[in-house]
Amino acid sequence: MFRSIMRHVFLPLVLIFTVQTTFGSQAPDLSDAPDVVQKIAAEIRGKSSDDARAAIIERFGRAQRNVGSGIRIEQWDLPEGVLTFHPGTGPTFADRKTKKNFHLIQTKNTAGSNILSSYEMTTVPNPKNFGNTFWIGNLKFGPGAEYHFTDSGQNAGARGTQGQKFFLLHPAGTVEVRYVAPVTADTLLESLAEGATVAHLVFTSADKMDHATFSITSSERSRRLAFGAEKPLPFVMATGWKNFWR
């Protein structure tokens, strides 16, 4: 989603383990945030990304730092905590006292409208190379439960053995969505616990000779969906939630 020119992708680290779905530990309610955060949240409600950023600068001045890599992610140090403006996922506030992370833009993302999105596959972050990841390809879905994987054709030297994995061997086929109870297509991702399993995706190759099943986990903190399995995957496959600015 957010790619640097050289295709070095710096994605938020998302849990990719299959976990039990619960409805505890949900996103903190904005009414629990400090008053100054509630006020700026009310001020930027309904604004575009650029207008919201301008309103934050008008109230708090220029940001103390930019923590982005390839994109601008600004942070302001407030007495109560740290305000972060991400141009894609929206502004957030990390409360220094309660350790809670608040999203200032209130959204509604249903599981059904997000799960069959376009996913980007990268290598696993390499701690020996500053956590860099490298683009492998993109997975997209069609209206008739079809999937299609497009190989980037790049970064062959960084892939290791990943060229033998399911999607590179079977770039087309069909997919079945199996939601994990109590999640349904109408469940709001905002209501799920961090790292909750939303569904299992069952892929069948075009020749119907091979199958693969992956879990889809949701991260409220990074507002992303990610592929997972019983064992850690040798790649990262993730997508952002669709609705950030409504």
C-alpha atoms as a PDB file:
ATOM      1  CA  MET A   1       0.000   0.000   0.000  1.00  0.00           C
ATOM      2  CA  PHE A   2       2.750   2.424   0.976  1.00  0.00           C
ATOM      3  CA  ARG A   3       5.790   1.569  -1.161  1.00  0.00           C
ATOM      4  CA  SER A   4       9.125   3.294  -1.437  1.00  0.00           C
ATOM      5  CA  ILE A   5      10.591   3.888  -4.869  1.00  0.00           C
ATOM      6  CA  MET A   6      12.986   0.961  -4.566  1.00  0.00           C
ATOM      7  CA  ARG A   7      10.175  -1.346  -3.460  1.00  0.00           C
ATOM      8  CA  HIS A   8      11.632  -1.720   0.025  1.00  0.00           C
ATOM      9  CA  VAL A   9       8.386  -2.019   1.970  1.00  0.00           C
ATOM     10  CA  PHE A  10       8.325  -0.977   5.624  1.00  0.00           C
ATOM     11  CA  LEU A  11       5.122  -2.482   6.955  1.00  0.00           C
ATOM     12  CA  PRO A  12       3.925  -2.370  10.568  1.00  0.00           C
ATOM     13  CA  LEU A  13       4.680  -5.702  12.159  1.00  0.00           C
ATOM     14  CA  VAL A  14       1.392  -7.590  12.388  1.00  0.00           C
ATOM     15  CA  LEU A  15       0.841 -10.767  14.366  1.00  0.00           C
ATOM     16  CA  ILE A  16       0.516 -13.680  11.958  1.00  0.00           C
ATOM     17  CA  PHE A  17      -0.323 -16.427  14.402  1.00  0.00           C
ATOM     18  CA  THR A  18      -3.725 -18.075  14.532  1.00  0.00           C
ATOM     19  CA  VAL A  19      -5.402 -17.019  17.774  1.00  0.00           C
ATOM     20  CA  GLN A  20      -8.827 -17.446  19.350  1.00  0.00           C
ATOM     21  CA  THR A  21     -11.297 -14.712  18.441  1.00  0.00           C
ATOM     22  CA  THR A  22     -12.648 -12.739  21.391  1.00  0.00           C
ATOM     23  CA  PHE A  23     -14.423  -9.454  21.828  1.00  0.00           C
ATOM     24  CA  GLY A  24     -12.353  -8.329  24.812  1.00  0.00           C
ATOM     25  CA  SER A  25      -9.545  -5.763  24.639  1.00  0.00           C
ATOM     26  CA  GLN A  26     -11.387  -3.788  21.995  1.00  0.00           C
ATOM     27  CA  ALA A  27     -10.321  -0.415  20.658  1.00  0.00           C
ATOM     28  CA  PRO A  28     -10.283   2.191  23.461  1.00  0.00           C
ATOM     29  CA  ASP A  29     -13.277   4.513  23.478  1.00  0.00           C
ATOM     30  CA  LEU A  30     -12.299   8.053  22.541  1.00  0.00           C
ATOM     31  CA  SER A  31     -14.303   9.343  25.517  1.00  0.00           C
ATOM     32  CA  ASP A  32     -11.533   7.910  27.708  1.00  0.00           C
ATOM     33  CA  ALA A  33      -8.891  10.046  26.001  1.00  0.00           C
ATOM     34  CA  PRO A  34      -7.599  13.316  27.509  1.00  0.00           C
ATOM     35  CA  ASP A  35      -9.755  16.373  26.865  1.00  0.00           C
ATOM     36  CA  VAL A  36      -7.261  17.928  24.456  1.00  0.00           C
ATOM     37  CA  VAL A  37      -7.349  14.796  22.318  1.00  0.00           C
ATOM     38  CA  GLN A  38     -11.149  14.691  22.302  1.00  0.00           C
ATOM     39  CA  LYS A  39     -11.235  18.328  21.213  1.00  0.00           C
ATOM     40  CA  ILE A  40      -8.877  17.885  18.274  1.00  0.00           C
ATOM     41  CA  ALA A  41     -10.730  14.699  17.293  1.00  0.00           C
ATOM     42  CA  ALA A  42     -13.991  16.668  17.164  1.00  0.00           C
ATOM     43  CA  GLU A  43     -12.288  19.414  15.174  1.00  0.00           C
ATOM     44  CA  ILE A  44     -10.967  17.103  12.435  1.00  0.00           C
ATOM     45  CA  ARG A  45     -14.097  14.936  12.172  1.00  0.00           C
ATOM     46  CA  GLY A  46     -15.216  14.783   8.546  1.00  0.00           C
ATOM     47  CA  LYS A  47     -12.069  16.479   7.232  1.00  0.00           C
ATOM     48  CA  SER A  48      -9.760  15.143   4.550  1.00  0.00           C
ATOM     49  CA  SER A  49      -6.272  13.950   5.406  1.00  0.00           C
ATOM     50  CA  ASP A  50      -4.671  17.235   4.363  1.00  0.00           C
ATOM     51  CA  ASP A  51      -7.218  19.360   6.209  1.00  0.00           C
ATOM     52  CA  ALA A  52      -6.919  17.234   9.351  1.00  0.00           C
ATOM     53  CA  ARG A  53      -3.130  17.597   9.328  1.00  0.00           C
ATOM     54  CA  ALA A  54      -3.459  21.368   8.863  1.00  0.00           C
ATOM     55  CA  ALA A  55      -5.837  21.582  11.847  1.00  0.00           C
ATOM     56  CA  ILE A  56      -3.403  19.646  14.048  1.00  0.00           C
ATOM     57  CA  ILE A  57      -0.524  21.938  13.029  1.00  0.00           C
ATOM     58  CA  GLU A  58      -2.656  25.011  13.716  1.00  0.00           C
ATOM     59  CA  ARG A  59      -3.391  23.781  17.239  1.00  0.00           C
ATOM     60  CA  PHE A  60      -0.033  22.247  18.223  1.00  0.00           C
ATOM     61  CA  GLY A  61       2.486  23.791  15.837  1.00  0.00           C
ATOM     62  CA  ARG A  62       4.976  21.902  13.709  1.00  0.00           C
ATOM     63  CA  ALA A  63       5.663  18.279  14.576  1.00  0.00           C
ATOM     64  CA  GLN A  64       8.661  17.439  16.741  1.00  0.00           C
ATOM     65  CA  ARG A  65       9.775  14.657  14.393  1.00  0.00           C
ATOM     66  CA  ASN A  66       9.056  12.561  11.324  1.00  0.00           C
ATOM     67  CA  VAL A  67       9.270   8.813  12.012  1.00  0.00           C
ATOM     68  CA  GLY A  68       8.237   7.643   8.546  1.00  0.00           C
ATOM     69  CA  SER A  69      10.367   5.814   6.007  1.00  0.00           C
ATOM     70  CA  GLY A  70       9.343   6.630   2.471  1.00  0.00           C
ATOM     71  CA  ILE A  71       6.256   8.476   3.737  1.00  0.00           C
ATOM     72  CA  ARG A  72       5.832  11.332   6.208  1.00  0.00           C
ATOM     73  CA  ILE A  73       4.603  10.164   9.636  1.00  0.00           C
ATOM     74  CA  GLU A  74       4.711  13.117  12.034  1.00  0.00           C
ATOM     75  CA  GLN A  75       4.619  13.109  15.831  1.00  0.00           C
ATOM     76  CA  TRP A  76       3.805  15.766  18.422  1.00  0.00           C
ATOM     77  CA  ASP A  77       4.874  15.461  22.079  1.00  0.00           C
ATOM     78  CA  LEU A  78       1.973  16.552  24.278  1.00  0.00           C
ATOM     79  CA  PRO A  79       2.005  16.597  28.089  1.00  0.00           C
ATOM     80  CA  GLU A  80      -0.447  13.670  28.082  1.00  0.00           C
ATOM     81  CA  GLY A  81       1.310  11.528  25.453  1.00  0.00           C
ATOM     82  CA  VAL A  82       2.292  11.352  21.785  1.00  0.00           C
ATOM     83  CA  LEU A  83       0.069  12.365  18.867  1.00  0.00           C
ATOM     84  CA  THR A  84       0.956  10.642  15.572  1.00  0.00           C
ATOM     85  CA  PHE A  85      -0.345  11.611  12.150  1.00  0.00           C
ATOM     86  CA  HIS A  86      -0.172   8.815   9.575  1.00  0.00           C
ATOM     87  CA  PRO A  87      -1.456   9.935   6.150  1.00  0.00           C
ATOM     88  CA  GLY A  88      -2.893   6.482   5.418  1.00  0.00           C
ATOM     89  CA  THR A  89      -4.188   5.070   8.676  1.00  0.00           C
ATOM     90  CA  GLY A  90      -5.111   8.377  10.263  1.00  0.00           C
ATOM     91  CA  PRO A  91      -4.114  10.222  13.456  1.00  0.00           C
ATOM     92  CA  THR A  92      -3.613   8.320  16.709  1.00  0.00           C
ATOM     93  CA  PHE A  93      -2.776   9.247  20.276  1.00  0.00           C
ATOM     94  CA  ALA A  94      -0.671   7.130  22.659  1.00  0.00           C
ATOM     95  CA  ASP A  95      -1.631   7.998  26.242  1.00  0.00           C
ATOM     96  CA  ARG A  96       1.496   8.127  28.394  1.00  0.00           C
ATOM     97  CA  LYS A  97      -0.377   7.348  31.626  1.00  0.00           C
ATOM     98  CA  THR A  98      -2.831   4.624  30.580  1.00  0.00           C
ATOM     99  CA  LYS A  99      -0.727   3.176  27.712  1.00  0.00           C
ATOM    100  CA  LYS A 100      -3.868   3.180  25.552  1.00  0.00           C
ATOM    101  CA  ASN A 101      -3.725   3.952  21.836  1.00  0.00           C
ATOM    102  CA  PHE A 102      -6.651   6.030  20.546  1.00  0.00           C
ATOM    103  CA  HIS A 103      -7.716   6.485  16.917  1.00  0.00           C
ATOM    104  CA  LEU A 104      -8.994  10.034  16.443  1.00  0.00           C
ATOM    105  CA  ILE A 105     -11.018   9.178  13.337  1.00  0.00           C
ATOM    106  CA  GLN A 106     -13.981   6.937  14.177  1.00  0.00           C
ATOM    107  CA  THR A 107     -14.591   4.422  11.371  1.00  0.00           C
ATOM    108  CA  LYS A 108     -16.746   1.436  10.473  1.00  0.00           C
ATOM    109  CA  ASN A 109     -15.003  -1.438   8.669  1.00  0.00           C
ATOM    110  CA  THR A 110     -16.982  -4.647   8.261  1.00  0.00           C
ATOM    111  CA  ALA A 111     -15.167  -7.945   7.869  1.00  0.00           C
ATOM    112  CA  GLY A 112     -16.992  -8.748   4.635  1.00  0.00           C
ATOM    113  CA  SER A 113     -16.086  -5.481   2.895  1.00  0.00           C
ATOM    114  CA  ASN A 114     -12.405  -5.779   3.801  1.00  0.00           C
ATOM    115  CA  ILE A 115     -11.348  -9.402   3.732  1.00  0.00           C
ATOM    116  CA  LEU A 116     -11.163  -9.902  -0.051  1.00  0.00           C
ATOM    117  CA  SER A 117      -9.016  -6.848  -0.651  1.00  0.00           C
ATOM    118  CA  SER A 118      -5.763  -6.513  -2.540  1.00  0.00           C
ATOM    119  CA  TYR A 119      -2.921  -7.936  -0.428  1.00  0.00           C
ATOM    120  CA  GLU A 120       0.779  -7.281  -0.817  1.00  0.00           C
ATOM    121  CA  MET A 121       3.286 -10.097  -0.275  1.00  0.00           C
ATOM    122  CA  THR A 122       6.755  -9.259   1.017  1.00  0.00           C
ATOM    123  CA  THR A 123       9.642 -11.107   2.573  1.00  0.00           C
ATOM    124  CA  VAL A 124       9.685 -11.377   6.361  1.00  0.00           C
ATOM    125  CA  PRO A 125      11.404  -8.360   8.004  1.00  0.00           C
ATOM    126  CA  ASN A 126      15.129  -9.016   8.258  1.00  0.00           C
ATOM    127  CA  PRO A 127      16.519  -7.863  11.631  1.00  0.00           C
ATOM    128  CA  LYS A 128      20.040  -8.130  10.227  1.00  0.00           C
ATOM    129  CA  ASN A 129      19.144  -5.627   7.504  1.00  0.00           C
ATOM    130  CA  PHE A 130      17.416  -2.910   9.547  1.00  0.00           C
ATOM    131  CA  GLY A 131      14.091  -4.782   9.398  1.00  0.00           C
ATOM    132  CA  ASN A 132      13.807  -4.294   5.637  1.00  0.00           C
ATOM    133  CA  THR A 133      11.259  -6.261   3.641  1.00  0.00           C
ATOM    134  CA  PHE A 134      11.185  -6.830  -0.118  1.00  0.00           C
ATOM    135  CA  TRP A 135       8.210  -6.916  -2.464  1.00  0.00           C
ATOM    136  CA  ILE A 136       7.298 -10.337  -3.875  1.00  0.00           C
ATOM    137  CA  GLY A 137       3.918  -9.662  -5.485  1.00  0.00           C
ATOM    138  CA  ASN A 138       0.223  -8.817  -5.079  1.00  0.00           C
ATOM    139  CA  LEU A 139      -2.848 -10.952  -4.485  1.00  0.00           C
ATOM    140  CA  LYS A 140      -6.201  -9.760  -5.843  1.00  0.00           C
ATOM    141  CA  PHE A 141      -9.713 -11.206  -5.869  1.00  0.00           C
ATOM    142  CA  GLY A 142     -12.375 -11.183  -8.568  1.00  0.00           C
ATOM    143  CA  PRO A 143     -16.188 -10.994  -8.265  1.00  0.00           C
ATOM    144  CA  GLY A 144     -16.685 -14.726  -8.752  1.00  0.00           C
ATOM    145  CA  ALA A 145     -14.491 -15.930  -5.868  1.00  0.00           C
ATOM    146  CA  GLU A 146     -11.441 -15.978  -8.127  1.00  0.00           C
ATOM    147  CA  TYR A 147      -7.989 -15.047  -6.944  1.00  0.00           C
ATOM    148  CA  HIS A 148      -5.018 -13.936  -9.002  1.00  0.00           C
ATOM    149  CA  PHE A 149      -1.441 -13.490  -7.816  1.00  0.00           C
ATOM    150  CA  THR A 150       0.936 -11.247  -9.757  1.00  0.00           C
ATOM    151  CA  ASP A 151       4.637 -11.843  -9.204  1.00  0.00           C
ATOM    152  CA  SER A 152       6.608  -8.592  -8.944  1.00  0.00           C
ATOM    153  CA  GLY A 153       9.505 -10.136 -10.821  1.00  0.00           C
ATOM    154  CA  GLN A 154      11.795  -8.243  -8.460  1.00  0.00           C
ATOM    155  CA  ASN A 155      14.081  -8.944  -5.496  1.00  0.00           C
ATOM    156  CA  ALA A 156      14.835 -12.523  -6.536  1.00  0.00           C
ATOM    157  CA  GLY A 157      18.000 -12.544  -4.449  1.00  0.00           C
ATOM    158  CA  ALA A 158      16.120 -11.638  -1.265  1.00  0.00           C
ATOM    159  CA  ARG A 159      13.423 -14.323  -1.502  1.00  0.00           C
ATOM    160  CA  GLY A 160      15.381 -17.383  -0.434  1.00  0.00           C
ATOM    161  CA  THR A 161      13.147 -20.461  -0.810  1.00  0.00           C
ATOM    162  CA  GLN A 162       9.937 -18.439  -1.042  1.00  0.00           C
ATOM    163  CA  GLY A 163       9.751 -18.994  -4.793  1.00  0.00           C
ATOM    164  CA  GLN A 164       8.416 -22.492  -4.042  1.00  0.00           C
ATOM    165  CA  LYS A 165       5.357 -21.295  -2.134  1.00  0.00           C
ATOM    166  CA  PHE A 166       1.698 -21.803  -3.086  1.00  0.00           C
ATOM    167  CA  PHE A 167       0.892 -18.506  -4.787  1.00  0.00           C
ATOM    168  CA  LEU A 168       3.963 -18.448  -6.997  1.00  0.00           C
ATOM    169  CA  LEU A 169       3.299 -22.022  -8.072  1.00  0.00           C
ATOM    170  CA  HIS A 170      -0.465 -21.476  -8.468  1.00  0.00           C
ATOM    171  CA  PRO A 171      -1.060 -17.805  -9.363  1.00  0.00           C
ATOM    172  CA  ALA A 172      -4.767 -18.298 -10.195  1.00  0.00           C
ATOM    173  CA  GLY A 173      -7.727 -20.214  -8.836  1.00  0.00           C
ATOM    174  CA  THR A 174     -10.657 -19.798  -6.468  1.00  0.00           C
ATOM    175  CA  VAL A 175     -11.064 -18.909  -2.803  1.00  0.00           C
ATOM    176  CA  GLU A 176     -13.651 -19.743  -0.123  1.00  0.00           C
ATOM    177  CA  VAL A 177     -14.164 -17.539   2.944  1.00  0.00           C
ATOM    178  CA  ARG A 178     -14.960 -19.338   6.205  1.00  0.00           C
ATOM    179  CA  TYR A 179     -15.649 -16.885   9.016  1.00  0.00           C
ATOM    180  CA  VAL A 180     -14.583 -17.869  12.532  1.00  0.00           C
ATOM    181  CA  ALA A 181     -17.544 -17.657  14.932  1.00  0.00           C
ATOM    182  CA  PRO A 182     -18.777 -15.351  16.304  1.00  0.00           C
ATOM    183  CA  VAL A 183     -17.419 -13.224  13.432  1.00  0.00           C
ATOM    184  CA  THR A 184     -19.680 -12.750  10.410  1.00  0.00           C
ATOM    185  CA  ALA A 185     -19.392 -10.637   7.270  1.00  0.00           C
ATOM    186  CA  ASP A 186     -21.194  -7.821   9.117  1.00  0.00           C
ATOM    187  CA  THR A 187     -18.876  -7.805  12.160  1.00  0.00           C
ATOM    188  CA  LEU A 188     -16.993  -4.536  12.623  1.00  0.00           C
ATOM    189  CA  LEU A 189     -13.236  -5.008  12.666  1.00  0.00           C
ATOM    190  CA  GLU A 190     -13.130  -2.151  15.181  1.00  0.00           C
ATOM    191  CA  SER A 191     -14.975  -4.416  17.656  1.00  0.00           C
ATOM    192  CA  LEU A 192     -12.424  -7.239  17.572  1.00  0.00           C
ATOM    193  CA  ALA A 193      -9.581  -7.873  19.959  1.00  0.00           C
ATOM    194  CA  GLU A 194      -6.045  -7.161  18.776  1.00  0.00           C
ATOM    195  CA  GLY A 195      -4.788 -10.119  16.728  1.00  0.00           C
ATOM    196  CA  ALA A 196      -8.207 -11.780  16.506  1.00  0.00           C
ATOM    197  CA  THR A 197      -8.774 -14.376  13.798  1.00  0.00           C
ATOM    198  CA  VAL A 198     -11.482 -13.122  11.432  1.00  0.00           C
ATOM    199  CA  ALA A 199     -11.733 -16.017   8.983  1.00  0.00           C
ATOM    200  CA  HIS A 200      -9.954 -18.789   7.142  1.00  0.00           C
ATOM    201  CA  LEU A 201      -9.376 -18.478   3.403  1.00  0.00           C
ATOM    202  CA  VAL A 202      -9.304 -21.773   1.505  1.00  0.00           C
ATOM    203  CA  PHE A 203      -7.513 -21.476  -1.847  1.00  0.00           C
ATOM    204  CA  THR A 204      -7.883 -23.983  -4.686  1.00  0.00           C
ATOM    205  CA  SER A 205      -5.531 -23.833  -7.664  1.00  0.00           C
ATOM    206  CA  ALA A 206      -6.986 -23.381 -11.152  1.00  0.00           C
ATOM    207  CA  ASP A 207      -6.287 -27.021 -12.004  1.00  0.00           C
ATOM    208  CA  LYS A 208      -7.982 -28.023  -8.710  1.00  0.00           C
ATOM    209  CA  MET A 209      -4.995 -30.173  -7.855  1.00  0.00           C
ATOM    210  CA  ASP A 210      -3.680 -28.165  -4.915  1.00  0.00           C
ATOM    211  CA  HIS A 211      -5.165 -26.394  -1.895  1.00  0.00           C
ATOM    212  CA  ALA A 212      -3.919 -24.052   0.811  1.00  0.00           C
ATOM    213  CA  THR A 213      -5.647 -22.606   3.877  1.00  0.00           C
ATOM    214  CA  PHE A 214      -4.620 -19.439   5.690  1.00  0.00           C
ATOM    215  CA  SER A 215      -6.093 -17.584   8.637  1.00  0.00           C
ATOM    216  CA  ILE A 216      -6.766 -13.854   8.462  1.00  0.00           C
ATOM    217  CA  THR A 217      -5.963 -11.893  11.603  1.00  0.00           C
ATOM    218  CA  SER A 218      -6.921  -8.305  12.326  1.00  0.00           C
ATOM    219  CA  SER A 219      -4.830  -5.631  14.037  1.00  0.00           C
ATOM    220  CA  GLU A 220      -6.744  -2.657  15.389  1.00  0.00           C
ATOM    221  CA  ARG A 221      -3.509  -0.884  16.269  1.00  0.00           C
ATOM    222  CA  SER A 222      -2.142  -0.917  12.720  1.00  0.00           C
ATOM    223  CA  ARG A 223      -5.578  -1.275  11.087  1.00  0.00           C
ATOM    224  CA  ARG A 224      -4.445  -4.105   8.872  1.00  0.00           C
ATOM    225  CA  LEU A 225      -5.434  -7.653   7.973  1.00  0.00           C
ATOM    226  CA  ALA A 226      -2.695 -10.254   7.665  1.00  0.00           C
ATOM    227  CA  PHE A 227      -2.324 -13.860   6.545  1.00  0.00           C
ATOM    228  CA  GLY A 228      -1.364 -16.399   9.186  1.00  0.00           C
ATOM    229  CA  ALA A 229      -1.085 -20.136   9.735  1.00  0.00           C
ATOM    230  CA  GLU A 230      -0.459 -22.652  12.501  1.00  0.00           C
ATOM    231  CA  LYS A 231       3.257 -22.161  11.925  1.00  0.00           C
ATOM    232  CA  PRO A 232       4.876 -18.781  11.177  1.00  0.00           C
ATOM    233  CA  LEU A 233       4.777 -18.095   7.440  1.00  0.00           C
ATOM    234  CA  PRO A 234       7.979 -17.503   5.447  1.00  0.00           C
ATOM    235  CA  PHE A 235       6.399 -14.366   3.961  1.00  0.00           C
ATOM    236  CA  VAL A 236       4.186 -11.471   5.005  1.00  0.00           C
ATOM    237  CA  MET A 237       0.846 -10.970   3.221  1.00  0.00           C
ATOM    238  CA  ALA A 238      -1.132  -7.992   4.452  1.00  0.00           C
ATOM    239  CA  THR A 239      -3.565  -5.232   3.519  1.00  0.00           C
ATOM    240  CA  GLY A 240      -4.886  -2.106   5.188  1.00  0.00           C
ATOM    241  CA  TRP A 241      -8.466  -1.638   6.301  1.00  0.00           C
ATOM    242  CA  LYS A 242     -10.414   0.273   3.647  1.00  0.00           C
ATOM    243  CA  ASN A 243     -12.077   2.985   5.699  1.00  0.00           C
ATOM    244  CA  PHE A 244      -9.812   5.506   7.441  1.00  0.00           C
ATOM    245  CA  TRP A 245     -11.328   8.917   6.836  1.00  0.00           C
ATOM    246  CA  ARG A 246     -15.093   8.629   7.259  1.00  0.00           C
END
